[in-house]
Each structure stands twice: as C-alpha cells, then as structure tokens.
Amino acid sequence: MPSLAQLSAIVERTAQYHLEIDYGGLGLCSEAGEVAGELKKVIRNDHGVLTEERCAKIASELGDVLWYTQFIANMIGYTIPEIVHILDDKLSSRLENGTINER
C-alpha cells in the first residue's frame, strides 16, 4: 500500500500531460463536489446510513481530492508534511487565541 510520502511520486507518474495550476484548482473543486455528492446520497439513497459501499465510494473520491491537493502542492513547491505543519501551526494559534474551542 503506498504511503502519503509516496503521493508526490504517484502524482508525477500519473499526470501524463502538461497541466497548469488552474487545472489543479478546478480539479480539486470538482472532486470535492463529488465527495459532497456521495455524502448527499447517504441522506437521499441510504436513509442516513453509511453503508460499506458508500464509504468505499467516498474514500475513492477522497483519493482524487488527495491527488489534486498533491498536484497543487507540487506546483507551488511544498510537500504534504509541510502543509500539515502549516495547518497545525494555524489551528494551534486559533486554539490559543480562543478563535476555536477545544471540546
């Protein structure tokens, strides 16, 4: 099973044609919409029950979200661990400032 550390290489290998950063942004939004669509189907089709089949479809779409996230990260010269560190710093600061509250 590939690791998150290998995600950049997977993106480099599978982005077979020259893509621009705007393509990455549009793809990310599109895939996030597909995740939302699957979540909507939990309510509409599955009566609020997260079935194994639905979870597998959501996971597949989340994989596409990860692909586009890594694609954009590659384009701007960041790694996913660097982005996670930035996120951690941002959220920690918000917790300290009371912007968000721990439960």
N, C-alpha and C. Protein backbone atom coordinates (compact mmCIF):
# COMPACT_ATOMS: atom_id res chain seq x y z
N MET A 1 0.85 -1.18 0.00
CA MET A 1 0.00 0.00 0.00
C MET A 1 0.90 1.24 0.00
N PRO A 2 0.69 2.14 -0.94
CA PRO A 2 1.52 3.36 -0.98
C PRO A 2 1.29 4.24 0.25
N SER A 3 2.33 4.94 0.64
CA SER A 3 2.23 5.84 1.79
C SER A 3 1.99 7.27 1.32
N LEU A 4 1.62 8.11 2.27
CA LEU A 4 1.44 9.52 1.95
C LEU A 4 2.73 10.12 1.41
N ALA A 5 3.86 9.63 1.90
CA ALA A 5 5.15 10.12 1.42
C ALA A 5 5.36 9.80 -0.06
N GLN A 6 4.71 8.78 -0.56
CA GLN A 6 4.84 8.39 -1.97
C GLN A 6 3.84 9.09 -2.88
N LEU A 7 2.95 9.87 -2.30
CA LEU A 7 1.89 10.51 -3.07
C LEU A 7 2.45 11.42 -4.16
N SER A 8 3.50 12.17 -3.84
CA SER A 8 4.08 13.08 -4.83
C SER A 8 4.56 12.31 -6.07
N ALA A 9 5.21 11.18 -5.85
CA ALA A 9 5.69 10.38 -6.97
C ALA A 9 4.53 9.80 -7.78
N ILE A 10 3.46 9.42 -7.09
CA ILE A 10 2.27 8.90 -7.78
C ILE A 10 1.69 9.98 -8.69
N VAL A 11 1.60 11.20 -8.17
CA VAL A 11 1.07 12.31 -8.97
C VAL A 11 1.98 12.58 -10.16
N GLU A 12 3.28 12.63 -9.92
CA GLU A 12 4.22 12.88 -11.02
C GLU A 12 4.10 11.80 -12.10
N ARG A 13 3.91 10.56 -11.69
CA ARG A 13 3.82 9.45 -12.63
C ARG A 13 2.52 9.48 -13.42
N THR A 14 1.43 9.90 -12.79
CA THR A 14 0.12 9.79 -13.43
C THR A 14 -0.35 11.07 -14.10
N ALA A 15 0.31 12.19 -13.85
CA ALA A 15 -0.01 13.43 -14.57
C ALA A 15 0.76 13.38 -15.88
N GLN A 16 0.24 12.64 -16.83
CA GLN A 16 0.96 12.31 -18.06
C GLN A 16 1.11 13.47 -19.04
N TYR A 17 0.34 14.49 -18.88
CA TYR A 17 0.39 15.61 -19.81
C TYR A 17 0.62 16.89 -19.02
N HIS A 18 1.07 17.93 -19.69
CA HIS A 18 1.38 19.18 -19.02
C HIS A 18 0.11 19.82 -18.49
N LEU A 19 0.07 20.03 -17.21
CA LEU A 19 -1.09 20.63 -16.56
C LEU A 19 -0.69 21.92 -15.88
N GLU A 20 -1.57 22.87 -15.87
CA GLU A 20 -1.32 24.14 -15.20
C GLU A 20 -1.99 24.14 -13.83
N ILE A 21 -1.59 25.08 -12.99
CA ILE A 21 -2.12 25.13 -11.64
C ILE A 21 -3.62 25.38 -11.63
N ASP A 22 -4.15 26.14 -12.61
CA ASP A 22 -5.59 26.37 -12.63
C ASP A 22 -6.34 25.06 -12.87
N TYR A 23 -5.76 24.15 -13.64
CA TYR A 23 -6.35 22.83 -13.83
C TYR A 23 -6.43 22.11 -12.49
N GLY A 24 -5.38 22.23 -11.70
CA GLY A 24 -5.37 21.61 -10.38
C GLY A 24 -6.45 22.16 -9.48
N GLY A 25 -6.62 23.46 -9.49
CA GLY A 25 -7.65 24.09 -8.66
C GLY A 25 -9.04 23.68 -9.08
N LEU A 26 -9.28 23.65 -10.37
CA LEU A 26 -10.59 23.23 -10.86
C LEU A 26 -10.84 21.76 -10.56
N GLY A 27 -9.81 20.94 -10.72
CA GLY A 27 -9.95 19.52 -10.42
C GLY A 27 -10.24 19.28 -8.95
N LEU A 28 -9.55 20.03 -8.08
CA LEU A 28 -9.77 19.89 -6.64
C LEU A 28 -11.21 20.24 -6.28
N CYS A 29 -11.70 21.34 -6.82
CA CYS A 29 -13.10 21.74 -6.55
C CYS A 29 -14.08 20.69 -7.08
N SER A 30 -13.81 20.18 -8.26
CA SER A 30 -14.68 19.18 -8.86
C SER A 30 -14.72 17.91 -8.02
N GLU A 31 -13.56 17.45 -7.58
CA GLU A 31 -13.53 16.23 -6.78
C GLU A 31 -14.15 16.44 -5.41
N ALA A 32 -13.96 17.61 -4.81
CA ALA A 32 -14.61 17.91 -3.54
C ALA A 32 -16.14 17.87 -3.71
N GLY A 33 -16.60 18.34 -4.87
CA GLY A 33 -18.02 18.26 -5.18
C GLY A 33 -18.50 16.82 -5.30
N GLU A 34 -17.65 15.95 -5.82
CA GLU A 34 -18.04 14.55 -5.91
C GLU A 34 -18.11 13.90 -4.53
N VAL A 35 -17.22 14.31 -3.61
CA VAL A 35 -17.32 13.85 -2.22
C VAL A 35 -18.66 14.31 -1.65
N ALA A 36 -18.99 15.57 -1.86
CA ALA A 36 -20.25 16.11 -1.35
C ALA A 36 -21.44 15.35 -1.95
N GLY A 37 -21.35 15.01 -3.21
CA GLY A 37 -22.42 14.26 -3.85
C GLY A 37 -22.63 12.89 -3.22
N GLU A 38 -21.54 12.23 -2.90
CA GLU A 38 -21.65 10.93 -2.22
C GLU A 38 -22.24 11.09 -0.83
N LEU A 39 -21.86 12.16 -0.12
CA LEU A 39 -22.42 12.41 1.21
C LEU A 39 -23.92 12.69 1.11
N LYS A 40 -24.32 13.42 0.07
CA LYS A 40 -25.74 13.68 -0.15
C LYS A 40 -26.50 12.38 -0.37
N LYS A 41 -25.88 11.44 -1.07
CA LYS A 41 -26.54 10.16 -1.33
C LYS A 41 -26.71 9.32 -0.07
N VAL A 42 -25.88 9.58 0.94
CA VAL A 42 -26.09 8.91 2.24
C VAL A 42 -27.48 9.27 2.76
N ILE A 43 -27.83 10.54 2.61
CA ILE A 43 -29.14 11.01 3.09
C ILE A 43 -30.25 10.56 2.15
N ARG A 44 -30.08 10.84 0.86
CA ARG A 44 -31.14 10.60 -0.11
C ARG A 44 -31.36 9.12 -0.40
N ASN A 45 -30.28 8.38 -0.63
CA ASN A 45 -30.41 7.00 -1.08
C ASN A 45 -30.30 5.98 0.05
N ASP A 46 -29.49 6.31 1.06
CA ASP A 46 -29.16 5.32 2.10
C ASP A 46 -29.83 5.62 3.43
N HIS A 47 -30.76 6.58 3.44
CA HIS A 47 -31.55 6.92 4.63
C HIS A 47 -30.68 7.24 5.85
N GLY A 48 -29.57 7.94 5.59
CA GLY A 48 -28.69 8.39 6.66
C GLY A 48 -27.73 7.34 7.18
N VAL A 49 -27.68 6.19 6.54
CA VAL A 49 -26.80 5.10 6.97
C VAL A 49 -25.55 5.07 6.09
N LEU A 50 -24.39 5.11 6.72
CA LEU A 50 -23.13 4.99 5.98
C LEU A 50 -22.86 3.52 5.68
N THR A 51 -23.24 3.10 4.49
CA THR A 51 -23.03 1.71 4.10
C THR A 51 -21.57 1.51 3.70
N GLU A 52 -21.14 0.26 3.69
CA GLU A 52 -19.77 -0.05 3.26
C GLU A 52 -19.54 0.40 1.82
N GLU A 53 -20.53 0.17 0.99
CA GLU A 53 -20.42 0.57 -0.42
C GLU A 53 -20.27 2.09 -0.55
N ARG A 54 -21.07 2.83 0.20
CA ARG A 54 -21.00 4.30 0.13
C ARG A 54 -19.65 4.78 0.68
N CYS A 55 -19.21 4.18 1.77
CA CYS A 55 -17.91 4.57 2.33
C CYS A 55 -16.79 4.34 1.33
N ALA A 56 -16.86 3.23 0.59
CA ALA A 56 -15.85 2.94 -0.42
C ALA A 56 -15.87 4.00 -1.53
N LYS A 57 -17.07 4.44 -1.93
CA LYS A 57 -17.18 5.48 -2.96
C LYS A 57 -16.64 6.81 -2.44
N ILE A 58 -16.94 7.13 -1.18
CA ILE A 58 -16.43 8.37 -0.58
C ILE A 58 -14.90 8.31 -0.51
N ALA A 59 -14.38 7.17 -0.09
CA ALA A 59 -12.92 7.01 0.00
C ALA A 59 -12.26 7.18 -1.36
N SER A 60 -12.89 6.65 -2.39
CA SER A 60 -12.35 6.79 -3.74
C SER A 60 -12.29 8.26 -4.16
N GLU A 61 -13.35 8.98 -3.88
CA GLU A 61 -13.38 10.41 -4.22
C GLU A 61 -12.38 11.21 -3.37
N LEU A 62 -12.23 10.83 -2.10
CA LEU A 62 -11.23 11.49 -1.26
C LEU A 62 -9.83 11.25 -1.80
N GLY A 63 -9.61 10.08 -2.39
CA GLY A 63 -8.32 9.81 -3.05
C GLY A 63 -8.07 10.79 -4.18
N ASP A 64 -9.11 11.09 -4.94
CA ASP A 64 -8.98 12.07 -6.03
C ASP A 64 -8.68 13.46 -5.46
N VAL A 65 -9.32 13.80 -4.33
CA VAL A 65 -9.04 15.08 -3.67
C VAL A 65 -7.57 15.13 -3.27
N LEU A 66 -7.05 14.03 -2.72
CA LEU A 66 -5.64 13.97 -2.34
C LEU A 66 -4.73 14.15 -3.55
N TRP A 67 -5.10 13.52 -4.67
CA TRP A 67 -4.29 13.64 -5.89
C TRP A 67 -4.15 15.11 -6.29
N TYR A 68 -5.28 15.79 -6.36
CA TYR A 68 -5.24 17.20 -6.76
C TYR A 68 -4.55 18.07 -5.72
N THR A 69 -4.72 17.75 -4.44
CA THR A 69 -4.03 18.50 -3.40
C THR A 69 -2.52 18.35 -3.58
N GLN A 70 -2.06 17.13 -3.81
CA GLN A 70 -0.64 16.91 -4.02
C GLN A 70 -0.16 17.57 -5.30
N PHE A 71 -0.99 17.52 -6.35
CA PHE A 71 -0.63 18.16 -7.61
C PHE A 71 -0.36 19.65 -7.40
N ILE A 72 -1.26 20.33 -6.69
CA ILE A 72 -1.09 21.75 -6.41
C ILE A 72 0.13 21.97 -5.53
N ALA A 73 0.30 21.12 -4.52
CA ALA A 73 1.48 21.24 -3.64
C ALA A 73 2.76 21.13 -4.46
N ASN A 74 2.82 20.19 -5.39
CA ASN A 74 3.99 20.06 -6.26
C ASN A 74 4.22 21.34 -7.05
N MET A 75 3.15 21.91 -7.56
CA MET A 75 3.26 23.12 -8.39
C MET A 75 3.80 24.31 -7.60
N ILE A 76 3.46 24.39 -6.30
CA ILE A 76 3.91 25.54 -5.50
C ILE A 76 5.14 25.24 -4.67
N GLY A 77 5.68 24.02 -4.81
CA GLY A 77 6.93 23.68 -4.16
C GLY A 77 6.83 23.30 -2.70
N TYR A 78 5.69 22.76 -2.28
CA TYR A 78 5.51 22.31 -0.91
C TYR A 78 5.27 20.81 -0.88
N THR A 79 5.59 20.21 0.26
CA THR A 79 5.26 18.80 0.48
C THR A 79 4.01 18.74 1.36
N ILE A 80 3.34 17.61 1.34
CA ILE A 80 2.17 17.43 2.20
C ILE A 80 2.56 17.56 3.67
N PRO A 81 3.68 16.97 4.13
CA PRO A 81 4.06 17.18 5.53
C PRO A 81 4.27 18.66 5.88
N GLU A 82 4.82 19.45 4.96
CA GLU A 82 4.96 20.89 5.21
C GLU A 82 3.60 21.55 5.34
N ILE A 83 2.68 21.16 4.50
CA ILE A 83 1.32 21.74 4.55
C ILE A 83 0.63 21.34 5.85
N VAL A 84 0.82 20.09 6.28
CA VAL A 84 0.24 19.65 7.55
C VAL A 84 0.83 20.46 8.70
N HIS A 85 2.13 20.74 8.64
CA HIS A 85 2.78 21.55 9.68
C HIS A 85 2.18 22.96 9.71
N ILE A 86 1.99 23.56 8.54
CA ILE A 86 1.39 24.89 8.45
C ILE A 86 -0.03 24.86 9.04
N LEU A 87 -0.78 23.83 8.71
CA LEU A 87 -2.14 23.69 9.24
C LEU A 87 -2.11 23.56 10.76
N ASP A 88 -1.21 22.74 11.27
CA ASP A 88 -1.10 22.56 12.72
C ASP A 88 -0.79 23.87 13.41
N ASP A 89 0.16 24.63 12.86
CA ASP A 89 0.51 25.94 13.44
C ASP A 89 -0.71 26.87 13.44
N LYS A 90 -1.43 26.90 12.31
CA LYS A 90 -2.59 27.79 12.18
C LYS A 90 -3.67 27.42 13.19
N LEU A 91 -3.98 26.12 13.28
CA LEU A 91 -5.03 25.69 14.19
C LEU A 91 -4.61 25.83 15.66
N SER A 92 -3.35 25.58 15.95
CA SER A 92 -2.85 25.78 17.31
C SER A 92 -2.97 27.23 17.72
N SER A 93 -2.65 28.14 16.81
CA SER A 93 -2.77 29.57 17.08
C SER A 93 -4.22 29.95 17.34
N ARG A 94 -5.12 29.40 16.57
CA ARG A 94 -6.55 29.69 16.76
C ARG A 94 -7.03 29.17 18.11
N LEU A 95 -6.55 27.98 18.50
CA LEU A 95 -6.91 27.45 19.82
C LEU A 95 -6.40 28.37 20.93
N GLU A 96 -5.16 28.82 20.79
CA GLU A 96 -4.56 29.70 21.80
C GLU A 96 -5.27 31.04 21.88
N ASN A 97 -5.72 31.54 20.74
CA ASN A 97 -6.40 32.84 20.70
C ASN A 97 -7.89 32.75 21.04
N GLY A 98 -8.39 31.54 21.21
CA GLY A 98 -9.80 31.37 21.52
C GLY A 98 -10.71 31.46 20.30
N THR A 99 -10.13 31.49 19.10
CA THR A 99 -10.94 31.55 17.88
C THR A 99 -11.75 30.27 17.72
N ILE A 100 -11.13 29.15 18.08
CA ILE A 100 -11.84 27.88 18.13
C ILE A 100 -11.64 27.32 19.54
N ASN A 101 -12.58 26.54 19.96
CA ASN A 101 -12.51 26.00 21.32
C ASN A 101 -12.34 24.50 21.27
N GLU A 102 -11.49 23.97 22.17
CA GLU A 102 -11.36 22.53 22.30
C GLU A 102 -12.61 21.98 22.95
N ARG A 103 -12.95 20.78 22.61
CA ARG A 103 -14.13 20.15 23.22
C ARG A 103 -13.67 19.23 24.30
